[in-house]
Amino acid sequence: IRDNLGAEYVIGCVAQNTMRKRLERLIEAFSKMETNDALLHLHTPPVSQMSPVNLFDIAKKFKVQDKVIFSYSPNSVFGVSDYGMNMLYNYFDYFATASSFEGFGMPVLESEAVGKPVVAPNSGSFPELLGENERGLLASIAATSLEADGFTRSLVDIESLADKMDALC
């Protein structure tokens, strides 16, 4: 895919298409990158019952539909073997997420396990998992809110996320 589309970099994300993962913000940040020869590979269904956001529409809105690739299993977003997931993570140049909350962050650890750096919001478990400039880069937070469930949700700053993504390219 990289060669067919003429991309120098593949930015990857493995996530359920839910509101918590904020994939629309990741697509928007990708559209604001100065690097023009990158692809965003999202391992998630673009349309999901768990999210009112249609990721195809978001990619079109930000005029990056030709540079956003979706892969997923029709039955389950994680319906890929361990070997297949290892190949997928190794295909990425780095992993990026815009998630508003992570209790643990398994995809971050999976990326780190194959030696791939990560760009993530500076919130939740991400600072502990990454460390600034150690195993990835942390993007600034635009806003936070304390939800009824007692968890703090954060919205990543889109410009900061785009800058960090550019920096890794």
N, C-alpha and C. Protein backbone atom coordinates (compact mmCIF):
# COMPACT_ATOMS: atom_id res chain seq x y z
N ILE A 1 0.83 -1.19 0.00
CA ILE A 1 0.00 0.00 0.00
C ILE A 1 0.87 1.24 0.00
N ARG A 2 1.91 1.23 0.82
CA ARG A 2 2.81 2.38 0.91
C ARG A 2 3.37 2.73 -0.48
N ASP A 3 3.86 1.73 -1.19
CA ASP A 3 4.46 1.97 -2.50
C ASP A 3 3.41 2.38 -3.52
N ASN A 4 2.25 1.73 -3.51
CA ASN A 4 1.20 2.04 -4.48
C ASN A 4 0.68 3.45 -4.33
N LEU A 5 0.66 3.97 -3.13
CA LEU A 5 0.15 5.32 -2.89
C LEU A 5 1.27 6.35 -2.75
N GLY A 6 2.50 5.93 -2.90
CA GLY A 6 3.63 6.85 -2.87
C GLY A 6 3.86 7.50 -1.52
N ALA A 7 3.71 6.74 -0.46
CA ALA A 7 3.86 7.31 0.88
C ALA A 7 5.23 6.97 1.45
N GLU A 8 5.81 7.96 2.08
CA GLU A 8 7.08 7.77 2.78
C GLU A 8 6.84 7.21 4.18
N TYR A 9 5.73 7.63 4.81
CA TYR A 9 5.45 7.25 6.19
C TYR A 9 4.04 6.67 6.32
N VAL A 10 3.90 5.70 7.20
CA VAL A 10 2.59 5.16 7.54
C VAL A 10 2.39 5.35 9.04
N ILE A 11 1.39 6.16 9.36
CA ILE A 11 1.02 6.42 10.75
C ILE A 11 -0.14 5.49 11.05
N GLY A 12 -0.03 4.71 12.11
CA GLY A 12 -1.06 3.72 12.40
C GLY A 12 -1.79 3.96 13.69
N CYS A 13 -3.01 3.44 13.74
CA CYS A 13 -3.80 3.45 14.96
C CYS A 13 -4.68 2.21 14.97
N VAL A 14 -4.66 1.49 16.07
CA VAL A 14 -5.52 0.34 16.28
C VAL A 14 -6.47 0.72 17.41
N ALA A 15 -7.78 0.80 17.10
CA ALA A 15 -8.75 1.25 18.10
C ALA A 15 -10.16 0.89 17.68
N GLN A 16 -11.03 0.73 18.65
CA GLN A 16 -12.45 0.62 18.36
C GLN A 16 -12.94 2.00 17.92
N ASN A 17 -13.87 2.05 16.97
CA ASN A 17 -14.46 3.31 16.56
C ASN A 17 -15.53 3.69 17.58
N THR A 18 -15.07 4.31 18.69
CA THR A 18 -15.97 4.78 19.74
C THR A 18 -15.66 6.25 20.00
N MET A 19 -16.58 6.92 20.66
CA MET A 19 -16.37 8.34 20.96
C MET A 19 -15.13 8.55 21.83
N ARG A 20 -14.84 7.63 22.73
CA ARG A 20 -13.70 7.77 23.63
C ARG A 20 -12.38 7.81 22.87
N LYS A 21 -12.29 7.13 21.76
CA LYS A 21 -11.03 7.07 21.00
C LYS A 21 -10.77 8.32 20.19
N ARG A 22 -11.79 9.12 19.94
CA ARG A 22 -11.66 10.42 19.27
C ARG A 22 -10.91 10.33 17.94
N LEU A 23 -11.25 9.33 17.16
CA LEU A 23 -10.58 9.13 15.87
C LEU A 23 -10.81 10.29 14.91
N GLU A 24 -11.91 11.00 15.07
CA GLU A 24 -12.16 12.17 14.22
C GLU A 24 -11.11 13.25 14.47
N ARG A 25 -10.64 13.37 15.71
CA ARG A 25 -9.59 14.35 16.03
C ARG A 25 -8.25 13.90 15.45
N LEU A 26 -8.00 12.59 15.43
CA LEU A 26 -6.78 12.06 14.83
C LEU A 26 -6.77 12.35 13.33
N ILE A 27 -7.90 12.15 12.67
CA ILE A 27 -7.99 12.44 11.23
C ILE A 27 -7.79 13.93 10.98
N GLU A 28 -8.40 14.77 11.81
CA GLU A 28 -8.23 16.21 11.64
C GLU A 28 -6.77 16.62 11.82
N ALA A 29 -6.11 16.08 12.85
CA ALA A 29 -4.69 16.38 13.06
C ALA A 29 -3.86 15.92 11.87
N PHE A 30 -4.16 14.74 11.35
CA PHE A 30 -3.46 14.22 10.18
C PHE A 30 -3.61 15.19 9.00
N SER A 31 -4.80 15.76 8.84
CA SER A 31 -5.03 16.69 7.72
C SER A 31 -4.23 17.98 7.87
N LYS A 32 -3.81 18.32 9.09
CA LYS A 32 -3.08 19.56 9.35
C LYS A 32 -1.57 19.37 9.34
N MET A 33 -1.11 18.15 9.13
CA MET A 33 0.33 17.91 9.10
C MET A 33 0.98 18.60 7.91
N GLU A 34 2.20 19.07 8.10
CA GLU A 34 2.96 19.66 7.01
C GLU A 34 3.52 18.58 6.10
N THR A 35 3.79 17.41 6.65
CA THR A 35 4.29 16.27 5.86
C THR A 35 3.19 15.81 4.92
N ASN A 36 3.45 15.84 3.63
CA ASN A 36 2.44 15.47 2.64
C ASN A 36 2.55 14.03 2.15
N ASP A 37 3.63 13.36 2.48
CA ASP A 37 3.82 12.01 1.95
C ASP A 37 3.62 10.94 3.02
N ALA A 38 2.52 11.08 3.78
CA ALA A 38 2.19 10.11 4.82
C ALA A 38 0.79 9.54 4.58
N LEU A 39 0.58 8.35 5.09
CA LEU A 39 -0.73 7.70 5.10
C LEU A 39 -1.15 7.53 6.55
N LEU A 40 -2.45 7.59 6.81
CA LEU A 40 -3.00 7.27 8.11
C LEU A 40 -3.74 5.96 7.98
N HIS A 41 -3.25 4.92 8.64
CA HIS A 41 -3.86 3.59 8.58
C HIS A 41 -4.60 3.35 9.89
N LEU A 42 -5.93 3.31 9.80
CA LEU A 42 -6.76 3.07 10.98
C LEU A 42 -7.29 1.65 10.94
N HIS A 43 -6.91 0.87 11.95
CA HIS A 43 -7.43 -0.49 12.04
C HIS A 43 -8.70 -0.44 12.89
N THR A 44 -9.79 -0.07 12.22
CA THR A 44 -11.10 0.09 12.85
C THR A 44 -12.14 0.16 11.75
N PRO A 45 -13.38 -0.21 12.04
CA PRO A 45 -14.42 0.01 11.04
C PRO A 45 -14.74 1.51 10.95
N PRO A 46 -14.88 2.05 9.75
CA PRO A 46 -15.15 3.48 9.61
C PRO A 46 -16.53 3.88 10.11
N VAL A 47 -17.45 2.92 10.15
CA VAL A 47 -18.80 3.15 10.66
C VAL A 47 -19.06 2.11 11.73
N SER A 48 -19.55 2.58 12.88
CA SER A 48 -19.73 1.68 14.02
C SER A 48 -21.00 2.03 14.78
N GLN A 49 -21.64 1.02 15.34
CA GLN A 49 -22.82 1.26 16.18
C GLN A 49 -22.42 1.93 17.50
N MET A 50 -21.14 1.87 17.85
CA MET A 50 -20.67 2.44 19.10
C MET A 50 -20.29 3.92 18.98
N SER A 51 -20.43 4.48 17.77
CA SER A 51 -20.05 5.88 17.56
C SER A 51 -20.95 6.51 16.51
N PRO A 52 -21.40 7.73 16.77
CA PRO A 52 -22.19 8.43 15.75
C PRO A 52 -21.32 9.00 14.63
N VAL A 53 -20.01 8.88 14.77
CA VAL A 53 -19.07 9.47 13.81
C VAL A 53 -18.80 8.49 12.66
N ASN A 54 -19.03 8.95 11.43
CA ASN A 54 -18.68 8.19 10.24
C ASN A 54 -17.30 8.67 9.80
N LEU A 55 -16.30 7.81 9.96
CA LEU A 55 -14.92 8.22 9.70
C LEU A 55 -14.66 8.48 8.21
N PHE A 56 -15.42 7.82 7.32
CA PHE A 56 -15.30 8.15 5.89
C PHE A 56 -15.67 9.62 5.68
N ASP A 57 -16.77 10.05 6.29
CA ASP A 57 -17.22 11.43 6.15
C ASP A 57 -16.21 12.41 6.74
N ILE A 58 -15.60 12.05 7.86
CA ILE A 58 -14.60 12.92 8.48
C ILE A 58 -13.39 13.07 7.55
N ALA A 59 -12.93 11.96 6.98
CA ALA A 59 -11.79 12.02 6.05
C ALA A 59 -12.12 12.88 4.84
N LYS A 60 -13.33 12.76 4.33
CA LYS A 60 -13.75 13.61 3.20
C LYS A 60 -13.81 15.07 3.61
N LYS A 61 -14.37 15.33 4.79
CA LYS A 61 -14.49 16.71 5.28
C LYS A 61 -13.14 17.41 5.31
N PHE A 62 -12.10 16.67 5.73
CA PHE A 62 -10.76 17.25 5.83
C PHE A 62 -9.90 16.98 4.59
N LYS A 63 -10.53 16.47 3.53
CA LYS A 63 -9.89 16.26 2.23
C LYS A 63 -8.66 15.35 2.28
N VAL A 64 -8.74 14.30 3.10
CA VAL A 64 -7.66 13.32 3.19
C VAL A 64 -8.15 11.90 2.90
N GLN A 65 -9.33 11.78 2.28
CA GLN A 65 -9.91 10.46 2.04
C GLN A 65 -9.00 9.56 1.21
N ASP A 66 -8.13 10.12 0.39
CA ASP A 66 -7.22 9.32 -0.41
C ASP A 66 -5.97 8.90 0.36
N LYS A 67 -5.81 9.43 1.57
CA LYS A 67 -4.63 9.12 2.37
C LYS A 67 -4.97 8.44 3.69
N VAL A 68 -6.24 8.09 3.87
CA VAL A 68 -6.67 7.38 5.08
C VAL A 68 -7.12 5.98 4.66
N ILE A 69 -6.51 4.98 5.27
CA ILE A 69 -6.78 3.59 4.95
C ILE A 69 -7.44 2.94 6.16
N PHE A 70 -8.48 2.14 5.91
CA PHE A 70 -9.14 1.41 6.97
C PHE A 70 -8.91 -0.08 6.78
N SER A 71 -8.61 -0.77 7.86
CA SER A 71 -8.56 -2.23 7.85
C SER A 71 -9.28 -2.70 9.09
N TYR A 72 -10.02 -3.77 8.96
CA TYR A 72 -10.76 -4.30 10.09
C TYR A 72 -11.40 -5.62 9.69
N SER A 73 -11.79 -6.38 10.67
CA SER A 73 -12.53 -7.60 10.44
C SER A 73 -14.01 -7.25 10.55
N PRO A 74 -14.85 -7.72 9.62
CA PRO A 74 -16.27 -7.39 9.70
C PRO A 74 -16.92 -7.85 11.02
N ASN A 75 -16.41 -8.89 11.61
CA ASN A 75 -17.00 -9.43 12.83
C ASN A 75 -16.48 -8.75 14.09
N SER A 76 -15.23 -8.33 14.07
CA SER A 76 -14.62 -7.71 15.24
C SER A 76 -13.41 -6.92 14.80
N VAL A 77 -13.28 -5.70 15.34
CA VAL A 77 -12.13 -4.88 14.98
C VAL A 77 -10.82 -5.57 15.35
N PHE A 78 -10.86 -6.44 16.35
CA PHE A 78 -9.65 -7.13 16.78
C PHE A 78 -9.62 -8.58 16.32
N GLY A 79 -10.37 -8.90 15.25
CA GLY A 79 -10.43 -10.26 14.75
C GLY A 79 -9.24 -10.63 13.88
N VAL A 80 -8.04 -10.34 14.35
CA VAL A 80 -6.81 -10.63 13.63
C VAL A 80 -5.91 -11.44 14.56
N SER A 81 -5.20 -12.40 14.01
CA SER A 81 -4.31 -13.23 14.82
C SER A 81 -3.20 -12.40 15.43
N ASP A 82 -2.56 -12.95 16.44
CA ASP A 82 -1.40 -12.27 17.04
C ASP A 82 -0.33 -12.01 15.99
N TYR A 83 -0.09 -12.99 15.12
CA TYR A 83 0.89 -12.82 14.05
C TYR A 83 0.49 -11.67 13.12
N GLY A 84 -0.80 -11.62 12.77
CA GLY A 84 -1.29 -10.56 11.90
C GLY A 84 -1.15 -9.19 12.55
N MET A 85 -1.45 -9.11 13.84
CA MET A 85 -1.31 -7.83 14.54
C MET A 85 0.16 -7.41 14.61
N ASN A 86 1.04 -8.37 14.83
CA ASN A 86 2.47 -8.07 14.85
C ASN A 86 2.91 -7.51 13.50
N MET A 87 2.44 -8.12 12.42
CA MET A 87 2.77 -7.62 11.08
C MET A 87 2.21 -6.21 10.88
N LEU A 88 0.99 -5.97 11.36
CA LEU A 88 0.36 -4.66 11.21
C LEU A 88 1.17 -3.59 11.94
N TYR A 89 1.51 -3.84 13.20
CA TYR A 89 2.28 -2.86 13.96
C TYR A 89 3.66 -2.63 13.33
N ASN A 90 4.27 -3.66 12.80
CA ASN A 90 5.57 -3.50 12.16
C ASN A 90 5.48 -2.74 10.84
N TYR A 91 4.32 -2.74 10.22
CA TYR A 91 4.08 -1.99 8.98
C TYR A 91 4.04 -0.49 9.27
N PHE A 92 3.55 -0.12 10.46
CA PHE A 92 3.47 1.29 10.83
C PHE A 92 4.87 1.84 11.08
N ASP A 93 5.08 3.10 10.72
CA ASP A 93 6.31 3.79 11.11
C ASP A 93 6.21 4.25 12.56
N TYR A 94 5.02 4.64 12.96
CA TYR A 94 4.74 4.94 14.36
C TYR A 94 3.25 4.87 14.60
N PHE A 95 2.89 4.85 15.86
CA PHE A 95 1.50 4.73 16.30
C PHE A 95 1.04 6.09 16.81
N ALA A 96 -0.18 6.48 16.49
CA ALA A 96 -0.73 7.74 16.98
C ALA A 96 -2.14 7.51 17.52
N THR A 97 -2.46 8.21 18.59
CA THR A 97 -3.79 8.12 19.16
C THR A 97 -4.24 9.49 19.64
N ALA A 98 -5.55 9.71 19.62
CA ALA A 98 -6.14 10.94 20.14
C ALA A 98 -7.12 10.60 21.25
N SER A 99 -7.02 9.43 21.82
CA SER A 99 -7.96 8.93 22.82
C SER A 99 -8.13 9.91 23.98
N SER A 100 -9.38 10.06 24.41
CA SER A 100 -9.67 10.99 25.51
C SER A 100 -9.44 10.37 26.88
N PHE A 101 -9.30 9.05 26.92
CA PHE A 101 -9.08 8.37 28.19
C PHE A 101 -8.59 6.95 27.93
N GLU A 102 -7.55 6.56 28.61
CA GLU A 102 -7.06 5.18 28.57
C GLU A 102 -6.70 4.77 29.98
N GLY A 103 -7.25 3.67 30.41
CA GLY A 103 -6.89 3.15 31.72
C GLY A 103 -5.54 2.47 31.70
N PHE A 104 -5.24 1.81 30.59
CA PHE A 104 -3.96 1.10 30.49
C PHE A 104 -3.26 1.39 29.18
N GLY A 105 -3.92 1.32 28.06
CA GLY A 105 -3.30 1.65 26.78
C GLY A 105 -2.58 0.49 26.12
N MET A 106 -3.27 -0.62 25.94
CA MET A 106 -2.66 -1.81 25.34
C MET A 106 -2.06 -1.55 23.95
N PRO A 107 -2.72 -0.82 23.04
CA PRO A 107 -2.10 -0.57 21.74
C PRO A 107 -0.77 0.17 21.84
N VAL A 108 -0.64 1.05 22.83
CA VAL A 108 0.63 1.75 23.04
C VAL A 108 1.72 0.74 23.40
N LEU A 109 1.40 -0.16 24.31
CA LEU A 109 2.39 -1.19 24.69
C LEU A 109 2.70 -2.12 23.53
N GLU A 110 1.70 -2.45 22.74
CA GLU A 110 1.94 -3.31 21.58
C GLU A 110 2.87 -2.62 20.58
N SER A 111 2.68 -1.33 20.39
CA SER A 111 3.58 -0.57 19.51
C SER A 111 4.99 -0.56 20.06
N GLU A 112 5.11 -0.29 21.35
CA GLU A 112 6.43 -0.27 21.99
C GLU A 112 7.10 -1.64 21.92
N ALA A 113 6.30 -2.70 22.00
CA ALA A 113 6.86 -4.06 21.97
C ALA A 113 7.56 -4.36 20.65
N VAL A 114 7.13 -3.71 19.56
CA VAL A 114 7.79 -3.93 18.27
C VAL A 114 8.71 -2.76 17.93
N GLY A 115 9.00 -1.92 18.93
CA GLY A 115 9.97 -0.85 18.75
C GLY A 115 9.48 0.36 17.99
N LYS A 116 8.16 0.58 17.98
CA LYS A 116 7.60 1.73 17.27
C LYS A 116 7.30 2.84 18.26
N PRO A 117 7.69 4.07 17.94
CA PRO A 117 7.35 5.20 18.82
C PRO A 117 5.86 5.52 18.73
N VAL A 118 5.40 6.32 19.67
CA VAL A 118 3.98 6.63 19.80
C VAL A 118 3.80 8.14 19.97
N VAL A 119 2.73 8.67 19.39
CA VAL A 119 2.27 10.03 19.67
C VAL A 119 0.92 9.88 20.35
N ALA A 120 0.78 10.51 21.53
CA ALA A 120 -0.45 10.38 22.31
C ALA A 120 -0.71 11.66 23.10
N PRO A 121 -1.94 11.84 23.56
CA PRO A 121 -2.24 13.00 24.40
C PRO A 121 -1.49 12.92 25.73
N ASN A 122 -1.17 14.08 26.28
CA ASN A 122 -0.48 14.15 27.56
C ASN A 122 -1.50 14.04 28.69
N SER A 123 -2.12 12.87 28.80
CA SER A 123 -3.16 12.65 29.81
C SER A 123 -3.29 11.15 30.09
N GLY A 124 -4.05 10.84 31.13
CA GLY A 124 -4.31 9.45 31.47
C GLY A 124 -3.02 8.68 31.72
N SER A 125 -2.96 7.49 31.20
CA SER A 125 -1.79 6.63 31.40
C SER A 125 -0.68 6.90 30.39
N PHE A 126 -0.93 7.73 29.38
CA PHE A 126 0.06 7.94 28.33
C PHE A 126 1.39 8.50 28.82
N PRO A 127 1.42 9.51 29.70
CA PRO A 127 2.72 10.01 30.16
C PRO A 127 3.55 8.93 30.85
N GLU A 128 2.90 8.08 31.62
CA GLU A 128 3.62 7.00 32.31
C GLU A 128 4.13 5.96 31.32
N LEU A 129 3.31 5.63 30.33
CA LEU A 129 3.70 4.61 29.36
C LEU A 129 4.79 5.09 28.41
N LEU A 130 4.78 6.39 28.08
CA LEU A 130 5.70 6.90 27.08
C LEU A 130 6.89 7.65 27.65
N GLY A 131 6.64 8.51 28.60
CA GLY A 131 7.70 9.42 29.01
C GLY A 131 7.96 10.38 27.86
N GLU A 132 8.07 11.66 28.14
CA GLU A 132 8.30 12.64 27.06
C GLU A 132 9.65 12.40 26.40
N ASN A 133 9.63 12.22 25.10
CA ASN A 133 10.83 12.02 24.29
C ASN A 133 11.62 10.76 24.64
N GLU A 134 10.99 9.81 25.33
CA GLU A 134 11.66 8.54 25.64
C GLU A 134 11.21 7.44 24.67
N ARG A 135 9.91 7.20 24.63
CA ARG A 135 9.37 6.18 23.75
C ARG A 135 8.32 6.75 22.81
N GLY A 136 8.20 8.07 22.82
CA GLY A 136 7.22 8.74 21.98
C GLY A 136 7.07 10.19 22.39
N LEU A 137 6.09 10.84 21.79
CA LEU A 137 5.86 12.25 22.05
C LEU A 137 4.45 12.46 22.59
N LEU A 138 4.32 13.40 23.50
CA LEU A 138 3.03 13.70 24.11
C LEU A 138 2.50 15.04 23.60
N ALA A 139 1.28 15.03 23.10
CA ALA A 139 0.64 16.23 22.58
C ALA A 139 -0.12 16.94 23.70
N SER A 140 -0.18 18.25 23.62
CA SER A 140 -0.87 19.07 24.63
C SER A 140 -2.37 18.77 24.65
N ILE A 141 -2.97 19.12 25.77
CA ILE A 141 -4.40 18.94 25.97
C ILE A 141 -5.11 20.28 25.77
N ALA A 142 -6.21 20.27 25.03
CA ALA A 142 -6.99 21.48 24.79
C ALA A 142 -8.01 21.72 25.89
N ALA A 143 -8.61 20.64 26.41
CA ALA A 143 -9.65 20.77 27.44
C ALA A 143 -9.78 19.45 28.19
N THR A 144 -10.21 19.55 29.44
CA THR A 144 -10.49 18.36 30.25
C THR A 144 -11.84 18.53 30.92
N SER A 145 -12.45 17.40 31.25
CA SER A 145 -13.71 17.42 31.97
C SER A 145 -13.78 16.21 32.88
N LEU A 146 -14.35 16.40 34.07
CA LEU A 146 -14.57 15.31 35.01
C LEU A 146 -15.96 14.77 34.73
N GLU A 147 -16.04 13.52 34.34
CA GLU A 147 -17.31 12.91 33.96
C GLU A 147 -18.02 12.32 35.17
N ALA A 148 -19.29 11.98 35.02
CA ALA A 148 -20.10 11.42 36.10
C ALA A 148 -19.55 10.11 36.63
N ASP A 149 -18.80 9.38 35.80
CA ASP A 149 -18.22 8.10 36.23
C ASP A 149 -16.96 8.29 37.07
N GLY A 150 -16.55 9.54 37.28
CA GLY A 150 -15.39 9.83 38.10
C GLY A 150 -14.08 9.90 37.33
N PHE A 151 -14.13 9.66 36.03
CA PHE A 151 -12.93 9.70 35.20
C PHE A 151 -12.80 11.05 34.51
N THR A 152 -11.59 11.51 34.40
CA THR A 152 -11.32 12.74 33.66
C THR A 152 -11.12 12.39 32.20
N ARG A 153 -11.82 13.08 31.34
CA ARG A 153 -11.67 12.91 29.89
C ARG A 153 -10.93 14.14 29.37
N SER A 154 -10.06 13.92 28.40
CA SER A 154 -9.28 15.02 27.83
C SER A 154 -9.48 15.08 26.34
N LEU A 155 -9.46 16.27 25.80
CA LEU A 155 -9.45 16.47 24.35
C LEU A 155 -8.07 16.95 23.97
N VAL A 156 -7.42 16.19 23.12
CA VAL A 156 -6.08 16.55 22.67
C VAL A 156 -6.16 17.81 21.82
N ASP A 157 -5.16 18.64 21.93
CA ASP A 157 -5.03 19.82 21.08
C ASP A 157 -4.64 19.35 19.68
N ILE A 158 -5.48 19.64 18.71
CA ILE A 158 -5.27 19.11 17.36
C ILE A 158 -3.98 19.64 16.74
N GLU A 159 -3.68 20.91 16.91
CA GLU A 159 -2.44 21.48 16.35
C GLU A 159 -1.21 20.82 16.98
N SER A 160 -1.25 20.62 18.29
CA SER A 160 -0.13 19.97 18.98
C SER A 160 0.05 18.53 18.50
N LEU A 161 -1.07 17.83 18.34
CA LEU A 161 -1.01 16.45 17.85
C LEU A 161 -0.40 16.42 16.44
N ALA A 162 -0.83 17.32 15.58
CA ALA A 162 -0.28 17.40 14.21
C ALA A 162 1.22 17.71 14.25
N ASP A 163 1.62 18.63 15.12
CA ASP A 163 3.05 18.98 15.24
C ASP A 163 3.87 17.78 15.69
N LYS A 164 3.38 17.03 16.66
CA LYS A 164 4.11 15.85 17.17
C LYS A 164 4.18 14.77 16.09
N MET A 165 3.10 14.60 15.34
CA MET A 165 3.09 13.62 14.25
C MET A 165 4.11 14.02 13.19
N ASP A 166 4.14 15.31 12.85
CA ASP A 166 5.15 15.81 11.90
C ASP A 166 6.56 15.58 12.41
N ALA A 167 6.76 15.82 13.70
CA ALA A 167 8.10 15.66 14.28
C ALA A 167 8.61 14.23 14.13
N LEU A 168 7.74 13.25 14.30
CA LEU A 168 8.21 11.86 14.13
C LEU A 168 8.48 11.53 12.68
N CYS A 169 7.72 12.13 11.76
CA CYS A 169 8.03 11.92 10.34
C CYS A 169 9.39 12.51 10.02
